[in-house]
Amino acid sequence: MERLRHHLLETGYTIDGVRERLGSMAASALAREELIPALRATADGDPLGTLIRLWWLGVPVPAKALAPEVLGSGLVRPDGDQVVATVHLQPWETGGYLVSDRKVRPGDPALRPDHVVGAGGASANLAQLVTRRPVGRALDLGTGCGVQVLHLAGRAERIVATDVNPRALELARLSWELSGVGDVDARAGSMFEPVEGELFDLVVSNPPFVIAPARDGRLTYRESGFEGDDFCRDLVHRTPLHLNPGGQAHFLANWLHVEGEDWHDRVGGWLRETGCDAWVAQRDVQDPAEYVELWLKDAAEQGTPAYTEHYDRWLGWFEERRVEGIGFGWITMRNSGTLDPVVRVEHLAHQVALPVGDYVDEVVDAIAAAHRAQGLDGALLRTAEGLLDERIGLPGAEDPIRIVLRQTQGLRRSREVGTVEAALAGVCDGELALGPLLNVIAELVGDGEIPDSDAVRPLIAEGYFLL
């Protein structure tokens, strides 16, 4: 693997090298699983183009065009005078490499139940969410092809990676070895069983969160076999038992939107029972038909004889449970050691500054501080950097119809506020206490009635003001 890694690097088989070699049109088409532009772009038979065809596009290449490091890697097989890759080997943004089963495309055979999927949008999404602070022990729960370990390496002193699929651990070990990442403690088993009784400073998981009816041939990389969204609920419930004081956990999850039920209460209820501070951000909601189509396409079932049957059965399963939609989002938990944990559940459909991990600690800090701060009258507040005051009104009018505070950094939230809050945003510099400031503002812009300082708590929780 070390010799192969050096060869890949020397040939330019890296994220930047592949993008440059393919060009923008072929790269964009490949993201849509259209191979023709990429095949045309790599038709010259040069060393880098040949590796792209072999490892990424998954097509046979001439054996004479490959170096001994590739032919002797154990990751290819002969096919006459050509060679076929037995795995998908992709460069990753960390500078490492990931080994998984070959990409499934329309017309391919059905996936094996223990299929190991490569890294994609969800993997990158989780990596963007995870805190950047150094930690002692980290756990990658359901490591798959090992992608999150590549991001944790260098930030965690010790890493444990688990998966219910032994084949996933086999390929993940190749990923780590090929990326120069050593000393990963890999263990087979379901949920937290392989780490029973152990504590961690950081737990990350891109779990099998897909919500599907039970079936033969369940795909372990995406389906847990649990009823509905129970797997994600149980993951949340069990996590605090494995967090050190101050430890954090970051997950991706799906949850159901059920007729007559508020999804905020559903997901918030999972977390309020944990004793941890928590932040949930829903990033997308799909109706049942969209959701079914997405995951049938993921398994390359479109165009197969079973497609109609699976689609109809899956939709019927949702209808029986009165499911109106399926939410996707982030869950962050922190073992704060408090008897008064705070949970915030919100929908964030707009673009946010990436990576969220650069400031996720501050997000949780703000939520907790706004909840627990005693007597805000004496609090020293600062206006967050990059905050804009947007006013909308009729031409020539003295007063605006609406005032909106808009963040240009971090989560980029926006909130409509009154004249008092807007004036406060203009003068908060951490020098004067909140109570006296509100007194002065009330005299200047208000009706003389002094605002309650507790009314500022939501603006602190959402990061408009810093305590």
Protein backbone atom coordinates (compact mmCIF):
# COMPACT_ATOMS: atom_id res chain seq x y z
CA MET A 1 0.00 0.00 0.00
CA GLU A 2 2.86 2.41 0.73
CA ARG A 3 4.39 1.80 -2.71
CA LEU A 4 0.99 2.23 -4.32
CA ARG A 5 0.41 5.50 -2.44
CA HIS A 6 3.72 6.93 -3.65
CA HIS A 7 2.85 5.93 -7.21
CA LEU A 8 -0.59 7.58 -7.02
CA LEU A 9 0.92 10.78 -5.71
CA GLU A 10 3.70 10.82 -8.29
CA THR A 11 1.17 10.27 -11.09
CA GLY A 12 -1.02 13.11 -9.82
CA TYR A 13 -3.98 10.95 -8.82
CA THR A 14 -5.16 13.48 -6.23
CA ILE A 15 -8.32 15.56 -5.82
CA ASP A 16 -6.74 18.54 -7.58
CA GLY A 17 -5.01 16.37 -10.17
CA VAL A 18 -8.23 14.58 -11.15
CA ARG A 19 -10.22 17.83 -11.35
CA GLU A 20 -7.59 19.48 -13.53
CA ARG A 21 -7.23 16.43 -15.77
CA LEU A 22 -10.98 16.04 -16.34
CA GLY A 23 -11.90 19.69 -16.71
CA SER A 24 -15.07 21.34 -15.42
CA MET A 25 -17.54 19.82 -17.90
CA ALA A 26 -16.46 16.20 -17.40
CA ALA A 27 -16.19 16.66 -13.62
CA SER A 28 -19.72 18.11 -13.46
CA ALA A 29 -21.08 15.28 -15.61
CA LEU A 30 -19.34 12.70 -13.44
CA ALA A 31 -21.06 14.19 -10.38
CA ARG A 32 -24.32 13.31 -12.17
CA GLU A 33 -22.98 9.78 -12.81
CA GLU A 34 -22.56 10.49 -16.55
CA LEU A 35 -19.29 8.88 -17.65
CA ILE A 36 -19.05 9.77 -21.35
CA PRO A 37 -17.38 13.21 -20.97
CA ALA A 38 -14.85 11.76 -18.49
CA LEU A 39 -14.12 8.82 -20.81
CA ARG A 40 -13.50 11.25 -23.66
CA ALA A 41 -11.27 13.40 -21.46
CA THR A 42 -9.10 10.41 -20.51
CA ALA A 43 -8.92 8.73 -23.92
CA ASP A 44 -5.26 9.65 -24.50
CA GLY A 45 -3.98 6.74 -22.42
CA ASP A 46 -1.60 8.88 -20.36
CA PRO A 47 -0.69 7.57 -16.85
CA LEU A 48 -3.11 9.84 -14.92
CA GLY A 49 -5.97 9.33 -17.37
CA THR A 50 -5.44 5.56 -17.15
CA LEU A 51 -5.64 5.62 -13.34
CA ILE A 52 -8.84 7.71 -13.48
CA ARG A 53 -10.40 5.20 -15.86
CA LEU A 54 -9.31 2.24 -13.72
CA TRP A 55 -10.07 3.44 -10.21
CA TRP A 56 -12.77 6.10 -10.60
CA LEU A 57 -14.67 5.25 -13.79
CA GLY A 58 -14.34 1.50 -13.24
CA VAL A 59 -13.62 0.52 -16.85
CA PRO A 60 -11.00 -1.98 -18.08
CA VAL A 61 -7.59 -0.55 -19.06
CA PRO A 62 -4.62 -2.16 -20.88
CA ALA A 63 -2.37 -4.07 -18.50
CA LYS A 64 0.73 -2.72 -20.29
CA ALA A 65 -0.34 0.84 -19.34
CA LEU A 66 -0.13 0.15 -15.60
CA ALA A 67 2.86 0.30 -13.28
CA PRO A 68 3.96 -2.71 -11.18
CA GLU A 69 2.70 -0.92 -8.05
CA VAL A 70 -0.85 -1.13 -9.44
CA LEU A 71 -0.60 -4.62 -10.91
CA GLY A 72 0.78 -6.00 -7.64
CA SER A 73 -1.59 -4.14 -5.31
CA GLY A 74 -4.12 -6.95 -4.97
CA LEU A 75 -6.86 -4.47 -5.89
CA VAL A 76 -7.13 -5.36 -9.58
CA ARG A 77 -7.73 -8.53 -11.59
CA PRO A 78 -6.69 -9.52 -15.11
CA ASP A 79 -9.25 -9.65 -17.93
CA GLY A 80 -7.41 -10.93 -20.99
CA ASP A 81 -4.82 -8.33 -21.90
CA GLN A 82 -6.67 -5.78 -19.83
CA VAL A 83 -7.05 -5.14 -16.09
CA VAL A 84 -10.19 -4.39 -14.09
CA ALA A 85 -10.29 -2.76 -10.65
CA THR A 86 -11.97 -4.86 -7.97
CA VAL A 87 -12.56 -1.77 -5.78
CA HIS A 88 -13.25 1.94 -6.10
CA LEU A 89 -10.16 3.88 -5.05
CA GLN A 90 -10.69 7.62 -4.73
CA PRO A 91 -8.46 10.46 -3.59
CA TRP A 92 -9.95 12.41 -0.71
CA GLU A 93 -9.79 16.04 0.37
CA THR A 94 -7.52 15.24 3.34
CA GLY A 95 -4.78 14.17 0.95
CA GLY A 96 -5.47 10.49 1.62
CA TYR A 97 -7.26 7.74 -0.28
CA LEU A 98 -10.42 5.72 0.27
CA VAL A 99 -11.06 2.13 -0.76
CA SER A 100 -14.65 0.94 -1.17
CA ASP A 101 -16.70 -1.32 -3.39
CA ARG A 102 -17.00 -0.18 -6.98
CA LYS A 103 -19.56 2.51 -7.68
CA VAL A 104 -22.96 1.17 -8.61
CA ARG A 105 -24.42 2.56 -11.82
CA PRO A 106 -27.63 1.89 -13.80
CA GLY A 107 -27.51 -1.55 -15.36
CA ASP A 108 -25.09 -2.95 -12.77
CA PRO A 109 -25.99 -6.14 -10.86
CA ALA A 110 -27.87 -5.77 -7.59
CA LEU A 111 -25.77 -4.71 -4.62
CA ARG A 112 -24.52 -7.36 -2.23
CA PRO A 113 -25.97 -6.88 1.30
CA ASP A 114 -22.51 -6.14 2.73
CA HIS A 115 -21.72 -3.54 0.04
CA VAL A 116 -19.27 -0.89 1.26
CA VAL A 117 -20.18 2.48 -0.17
CA GLY A 118 -17.56 5.10 -0.96
CA ALA A 119 -17.42 8.59 0.47
CA GLY A 120 -19.80 11.17 -0.92
CA GLY A 121 -21.88 14.18 0.04
CA ALA A 122 -23.00 12.80 3.41
CA SER A 123 -19.43 11.92 4.40
CA ALA A 124 -18.23 15.40 3.52
CA ASN A 125 -21.24 16.89 5.33
CA LEU A 126 -20.35 15.15 8.59
CA ALA A 127 -16.66 16.02 8.27
CA GLN A 128 -17.64 19.69 7.87
CA LEU A 129 -19.74 19.53 11.06
CA VAL A 130 -17.26 17.95 13.49
CA THR A 131 -15.47 20.20 15.99
CA ARG A 132 -11.89 21.10 15.13
CA ARG A 133 -10.61 21.09 18.73
CA PRO A 134 -7.98 18.45 19.62
CA VAL A 135 -9.27 15.49 21.64
CA GLY A 136 -7.85 12.49 23.47
CA ARG A 137 -10.07 9.53 22.48
CA ALA A 138 -12.33 9.61 19.44
CA LEU A 139 -14.87 7.05 18.21
CA ASP A 140 -15.99 6.71 14.60
CA LEU A 141 -19.19 4.70 14.95
CA GLY A 142 -20.02 2.90 11.70
CA THR A 143 -16.80 3.80 9.92
CA GLY A 144 -17.75 2.33 6.52
CA CYS A 145 -14.79 2.86 4.19
CA GLY A 146 -12.99 4.78 6.96
CA VAL A 147 -13.46 8.34 5.72
CA GLN A 148 -14.06 10.07 9.08
CA VAL A 149 -10.86 8.56 10.48
CA LEU A 150 -8.89 10.46 7.82
CA HIS A 151 -10.37 13.69 9.19
CA LEU A 152 -9.80 12.73 12.83
CA ALA A 153 -6.16 11.73 12.30
CA GLY A 154 -3.94 14.45 13.72
CA ARG A 155 -6.73 15.84 15.91
CA ALA A 156 -7.33 12.78 18.09
CA GLU A 157 -4.59 11.05 20.08
CA ARG A 158 -6.36 7.69 19.85
CA ILE A 159 -9.07 6.57 17.41
CA VAL A 160 -11.45 3.63 17.69
CA ALA A 161 -13.49 2.76 14.58
CA THR A 162 -16.37 0.28 14.56
CA ASP A 163 -18.71 -1.23 12.00
CA VAL A 164 -21.30 -3.98 11.98
CA ASN A 165 -19.99 -5.05 8.56
CA PRO A 166 -16.63 -6.91 8.76
CA ARG A 167 -16.10 -6.25 5.07
CA ALA A 168 -16.27 -2.50 5.74
CA LEU A 169 -13.48 -2.80 8.29
CA GLU A 170 -11.40 -4.79 5.79
CA LEU A 171 -11.64 -2.03 3.19
CA ALA A 172 -11.30 0.74 5.79
CA ARG A 173 -7.95 -0.72 6.89
CA LEU A 174 -6.78 -0.46 3.29
CA SER A 175 -7.96 3.17 3.20
CA TRP A 176 -5.98 4.02 6.33
CA GLU A 177 -2.87 2.16 5.23
CA LEU A 178 -3.00 3.77 1.79
CA SER A 179 -3.39 7.19 3.46
CA GLY A 180 -0.52 6.71 5.90
CA VAL A 181 -2.84 6.66 8.93
CA GLY A 182 -1.77 4.12 11.55
CA ASP A 183 -2.76 2.94 15.01
CA VAL A 184 -6.54 2.84 14.39
CA ASP A 185 -8.29 0.40 16.74
CA ALA A 186 -10.85 -1.24 14.42
CA ARG A 187 -13.60 -3.39 15.97
CA ALA A 188 -16.57 -5.28 14.55
CA GLY A 189 -20.00 -5.06 16.13
CA SER A 190 -23.34 -3.26 16.20
CA MET A 191 -23.96 0.18 17.71
CA PHE A 192 -21.90 0.65 20.92
CA GLU A 193 -21.41 -3.08 21.61
CA PRO A 194 -17.69 -3.11 20.64
CA VAL A 195 -16.93 -0.25 23.08
CA GLU A 196 -19.13 -1.29 26.02
CA GLY A 197 -18.08 0.58 29.17
CA GLU A 198 -15.61 2.88 27.37
CA LEU A 199 -15.65 6.70 27.32
CA PHE A 200 -14.63 9.11 24.56
CA ASP A 201 -14.03 12.82 24.14
CA LEU A 202 -15.56 12.78 20.66
CA VAL A 203 -18.04 10.47 18.93
CA VAL A 204 -18.85 10.89 15.24
CA SER A 205 -21.21 8.84 13.13
CA ASN A 206 -22.68 8.78 9.64
CA PRO A 207 -25.05 5.97 10.67
CA PRO A 208 -27.35 3.76 8.55
CA PHE A 209 -30.12 6.34 8.89
CA VAL A 210 -32.22 5.46 5.83
CA ILE A 211 -35.81 4.83 6.89
CA ALA A 212 -37.13 1.83 4.96
CA PRO A 213 -39.45 -1.15 5.39
CA ALA A 214 -37.84 -4.42 6.43
CA ARG A 215 -36.76 -6.55 3.49
CA ASP A 216 -34.49 -9.41 2.54
CA GLY A 217 -31.05 -8.33 1.45
CA ARG A 218 -30.97 -5.25 3.67
CA LEU A 219 -28.08 -2.95 2.73
CA THR A 220 -26.08 -2.60 5.94
CA TYR A 221 -24.32 0.59 4.87
CA ARG A 222 -27.59 2.55 4.90
CA GLU A 223 -30.35 0.51 6.61
CA SER A 224 -30.38 -0.59 10.24
CA GLY A 225 -33.39 -2.89 10.29
CA PHE A 226 -34.96 -0.78 13.07
CA GLU A 227 -38.55 0.41 12.82
CA GLY A 228 -38.92 3.92 11.37
CA ASP A 229 -36.40 6.39 12.80
CA ASP A 230 -35.83 4.33 15.97
CA PHE A 231 -32.18 3.71 15.12
CA CYS A 232 -31.30 7.41 15.22
CA ARG A 233 -33.34 7.80 18.40
CA ASP A 234 -31.52 4.91 20.08
CA LEU A 235 -28.16 6.26 18.91
CA VAL A 236 -28.95 9.56 20.63
CA HIS A 237 -30.11 7.80 23.81
CA ARG A 238 -27.03 5.58 24.13
CA THR A 239 -24.38 8.15 23.29
CA PRO A 240 -24.21 9.93 26.70
CA LEU A 241 -23.11 6.66 28.32
CA HIS A 242 -19.91 6.88 26.26
CA LEU A 243 -19.03 10.58 26.57
CA ASN A 244 -16.40 11.91 28.94
CA PRO A 245 -17.31 15.11 30.84
CA GLY A 246 -17.27 17.85 28.23
CA GLY A 247 -17.26 15.25 25.44
CA GLN A 248 -19.16 15.91 22.23
CA ALA A 249 -20.92 13.84 19.60
CA HIS A 250 -21.82 14.73 16.01
CA PHE A 251 -24.22 12.69 13.87
CA LEU A 252 -26.11 12.80 10.62
CA ALA A 253 -29.69 11.60 10.96
CA ASN A 254 -33.09 11.17 9.33
CA TRP A 255 -36.36 11.63 11.19
CA LEU A 256 -40.02 11.31 10.32
CA HIS A 257 -42.52 14.11 9.87
CA VAL A 258 -45.74 12.44 10.98
CA GLU A 259 -49.23 13.83 10.38
CA GLY A 260 -50.50 15.71 13.44
CA GLU A 261 -47.06 15.76 15.11
CA ASP A 262 -44.48 18.56 15.30
CA TRP A 263 -41.09 17.24 14.18
CA HIS A 264 -39.40 19.65 16.62
CA ASP A 265 -41.10 17.83 19.49
CA ARG A 266 -40.24 14.43 18.05
CA VAL A 267 -36.50 15.02 17.70
CA GLY A 268 -36.28 17.33 20.68
CA GLY A 269 -37.89 14.62 22.78
CA TRP A 270 -35.08 12.22 21.91
CA LEU A 271 -32.51 14.69 23.21
CA ARG A 272 -34.27 16.04 26.27
CA GLU A 273 -34.03 12.57 27.78
CA THR A 274 -30.21 12.41 27.46
CA GLY A 275 -29.05 15.02 29.99
CA CYS A 276 -26.80 16.57 27.31
CA ASP A 277 -26.84 20.03 25.82
CA ALA A 278 -27.81 19.56 22.18
CA TRP A 279 -28.27 21.35 18.89
CA VAL A 280 -30.27 19.94 15.99
CA ALA A 281 -30.26 21.59 12.58
CA GLN A 282 -32.63 20.23 9.94
CA ARG A 283 -31.09 20.90 6.53
CA ASP A 284 -33.62 19.35 4.16
CA VAL A 285 -37.08 17.77 4.04
CA GLN A 286 -38.25 15.40 1.32
CA ASP A 287 -41.73 14.12 0.63
CA PRO A 288 -42.05 10.31 0.71
CA ALA A 289 -41.93 9.91 -3.07
CA GLU A 290 -38.74 11.99 -3.39
CA TYR A 291 -37.17 10.01 -0.59
CA VAL A 292 -38.00 6.61 -2.10
CA GLU A 293 -36.73 7.67 -5.52
CA LEU A 294 -33.46 8.92 -4.03
CA TRP A 295 -32.61 5.66 -2.30
CA LEU A 296 -33.83 3.38 -5.11
CA LYS A 297 -31.52 5.34 -7.40
CA ASP A 298 -28.74 5.00 -4.83
CA ALA A 299 -29.04 1.22 -5.12
CA ALA A 300 -29.27 1.38 -8.95
CA GLU A 301 -32.77 -0.12 -8.90
CA GLN A 302 -34.20 2.29 -11.50
CA GLY A 303 -35.07 0.39 -14.65
CA THR A 304 -35.01 -3.02 -12.95
CA PRO A 305 -38.02 -5.39 -12.80
CA ALA A 306 -38.24 -4.91 -9.02
CA TYR A 307 -38.33 -1.10 -9.15
CA THR A 308 -42.11 -0.66 -9.32
CA GLU A 309 -42.75 -3.23 -6.60
CA HIS A 310 -40.18 -1.70 -4.22
CA TYR A 311 -41.39 1.85 -4.89
CA ASP A 312 -45.05 0.94 -4.28
CA ARG A 313 -44.32 -1.10 -1.12
CA TRP A 314 -42.12 1.64 0.35
CA LEU A 315 -44.74 4.34 -0.28
CA GLY A 316 -47.43 2.13 1.24
CA TRP A 317 -45.26 1.61 4.30
CA PHE A 318 -44.99 5.39 4.76
CA GLU A 319 -48.75 5.84 4.27
CA GLU A 320 -49.53 3.27 6.97
CA ARG A 321 -47.47 5.36 9.42
CA ARG A 322 -48.99 8.69 8.27
CA VAL A 323 -45.58 9.98 7.20
CA GLU A 324 -45.74 13.34 5.41
CA GLY A 325 -42.03 13.94 5.02
CA ILE A 326 -38.54 12.84 6.03
CA GLY A 327 -36.09 15.31 7.53
CA PHE A 328 -32.33 15.21 7.19
CA GLY A 329 -29.94 17.08 9.40
CA TRP A 330 -27.21 17.37 12.00
CA ILE A 331 -27.26 16.43 15.66
CA THR A 332 -24.62 17.74 18.08
CA MET A 333 -24.54 16.67 21.73
CA ARG A 334 -22.31 17.80 24.60
CA ASN A 335 -21.96 16.16 28.00
CA SER A 336 -21.98 19.41 30.01
CA GLY A 337 -22.54 17.73 33.38
CA THR A 338 -25.53 19.94 34.16
CA LEU A 339 -28.87 19.11 35.72
CA ASP A 340 -30.45 21.69 33.43
CA PRO A 341 -29.52 20.70 29.85
CA VAL A 342 -30.67 22.85 26.97
CA VAL A 343 -31.82 21.57 23.57
CA ARG A 344 -32.27 23.72 20.47
CA VAL A 345 -34.02 22.31 17.39
CA GLU A 346 -34.24 24.47 14.26
CA HIS A 347 -34.57 24.35 10.48
CA LEU A 348 -31.65 25.85 8.52
CA ALA A 349 -32.32 25.56 4.80
CA HIS A 350 -30.04 28.42 3.73
CA GLN A 351 -26.32 28.24 3.02
CA VAL A 352 -24.01 28.51 6.03
CA ALA A 353 -20.29 29.19 6.31
CA LEU A 354 -18.23 26.01 5.96
CA PRO A 355 -16.76 24.20 7.74
CA VAL A 356 -19.28 24.40 10.57
CA GLY A 357 -16.71 22.58 12.72
CA ASP A 358 -14.72 25.81 12.92
CA TYR A 359 -17.44 27.38 15.04
CA VAL A 360 -19.78 24.58 16.19
CA ASP A 361 -18.38 24.85 19.73
CA GLU A 362 -19.38 28.53 19.81
CA VAL A 363 -22.88 27.63 18.57
CA VAL A 364 -23.41 25.20 21.47
CA ASP A 365 -21.77 27.63 23.92
CA ALA A 366 -24.19 30.40 22.90
CA ILE A 367 -27.26 28.16 23.21
CA ALA A 368 -26.20 27.07 26.70
CA ALA A 369 -25.12 30.55 27.85
CA ALA A 370 -28.40 32.18 26.84
CA HIS A 371 -30.32 29.52 28.74
CA ARG A 372 -28.26 29.53 31.93
CA ALA A 373 -27.17 33.15 32.34
CA GLN A 374 -28.61 34.58 35.56
CA GLY A 375 -29.80 38.18 35.64
CA LEU A 376 -28.86 39.62 32.27
CA ASP A 377 -29.08 43.22 33.49
CA GLY A 378 -25.43 43.09 34.51
CA ALA A 379 -24.25 41.14 31.46
CA LEU A 380 -21.63 42.64 29.17
CA LEU A 381 -22.59 41.97 25.56
CA ARG A 382 -20.75 42.44 22.30
CA THR A 383 -22.37 42.58 18.88
CA ALA A 384 -21.20 39.67 16.72
CA GLU A 385 -18.76 40.51 13.96
CA GLY A 386 -20.17 40.85 10.47
CA LEU A 387 -23.72 41.67 11.62
CA LEU A 388 -25.81 43.72 9.18
CA ASP A 389 -28.79 45.96 9.99
CA GLU A 390 -31.22 45.87 7.05
CA ARG A 391 -34.15 48.31 6.98
CA ILE A 392 -37.10 48.14 4.63
CA GLY A 393 -39.51 51.03 4.30
CA LEU A 394 -41.45 53.26 1.97
CA PRO A 395 -39.49 55.97 0.13
CA GLY A 396 -39.29 59.11 2.27
CA ALA A 397 -40.83 57.45 5.32
CA GLU A 398 -39.23 58.33 8.67
CA ASP A 399 -39.58 54.86 10.16
CA PRO A 400 -38.91 51.51 8.48
CA ILE A 401 -41.59 48.86 8.05
CA ARG A 402 -39.17 46.09 8.97
CA ILE A 403 -35.73 45.86 10.54
CA VAL A 404 -33.73 42.66 10.01
CA LEU A 405 -30.48 41.68 11.69
CA ARG A 406 -28.50 39.46 9.32
CA GLN A 407 -25.33 37.49 10.07
CA THR A 408 -22.70 37.36 7.34
CA GLN A 409 -20.57 34.78 9.16
CA GLY A 410 -21.16 31.40 10.78
CA LEU A 411 -24.71 30.11 10.47
CA ARG A 412 -25.83 33.29 8.68
CA ARG A 413 -29.12 33.49 10.49
CA SER A 414 -31.47 36.44 10.04
CA ARG A 415 -34.13 37.73 12.40
CA GLU A 416 -36.69 40.54 12.27
CA VAL A 417 -36.27 42.81 15.32
CA GLY A 418 -37.69 45.98 16.82
CA THR A 419 -36.04 49.37 17.12
CA VAL A 420 -34.72 48.61 20.62
CA GLU A 421 -32.87 45.44 19.56
CA ALA A 422 -31.54 47.19 16.45
CA ALA A 423 -30.27 50.10 18.53
CA LEU A 424 -28.70 47.65 20.99
CA ALA A 425 -26.81 45.99 18.14
CA GLY A 426 -25.33 49.37 17.28
CA VAL A 427 -23.90 50.13 20.72
CA CYS A 428 -22.93 46.80 22.34
CA ASP A 429 -19.15 46.76 22.71
CA GLY A 430 -18.66 44.80 25.95
CA GLU A 431 -18.04 47.95 28.01
CA LEU A 432 -21.45 48.75 29.49
CA ALA A 433 -23.90 46.39 31.18
CA LEU A 434 -27.08 45.41 29.35
CA GLY A 435 -29.50 46.91 31.90
CA PRO A 436 -28.19 50.52 31.75
CA LEU A 437 -27.92 50.29 27.95
CA LEU A 438 -31.56 49.26 27.64
CA ASN A 439 -32.57 52.16 29.93
CA VAL A 440 -30.87 54.69 27.66
CA ILE A 441 -32.21 53.10 24.47
CA ALA A 442 -35.74 53.06 25.86
CA GLU A 443 -35.57 56.79 26.48
CA LEU A 444 -34.19 57.54 23.02
CA VAL A 445 -36.14 55.24 20.71
CA GLY A 446 -38.79 53.60 22.81
CA ASP A 447 -41.96 54.72 24.51
CA GLY A 448 -40.25 55.13 27.86
CA GLU A 449 -41.00 51.57 28.99
CA ILE A 450 -37.78 49.76 29.86
CA PRO A 451 -37.47 46.47 27.93
CA ASP A 452 -36.99 43.23 29.83
CA SER A 453 -33.37 42.12 29.48
CA ASP A 454 -34.56 38.50 29.22
CA ALA A 455 -36.01 39.37 25.83
CA VAL A 456 -32.44 39.44 24.53
CA ARG A 457 -31.85 35.74 25.35
CA PRO A 458 -32.98 34.44 21.93
CA LEU A 459 -30.56 36.85 20.24
CA ILE A 460 -27.73 35.56 22.44
CA ALA A 461 -28.68 31.94 21.74
CA GLU A 462 -28.63 32.60 17.99
CA GLY A 463 -25.28 34.39 18.03
CA TYR A 464 -26.29 37.98 17.32
CA PHE A 465 -24.80 39.07 20.66
CA LEU A 466 -21.88 37.47 22.48
CA LEU A 467 -21.79 37.19 26.26
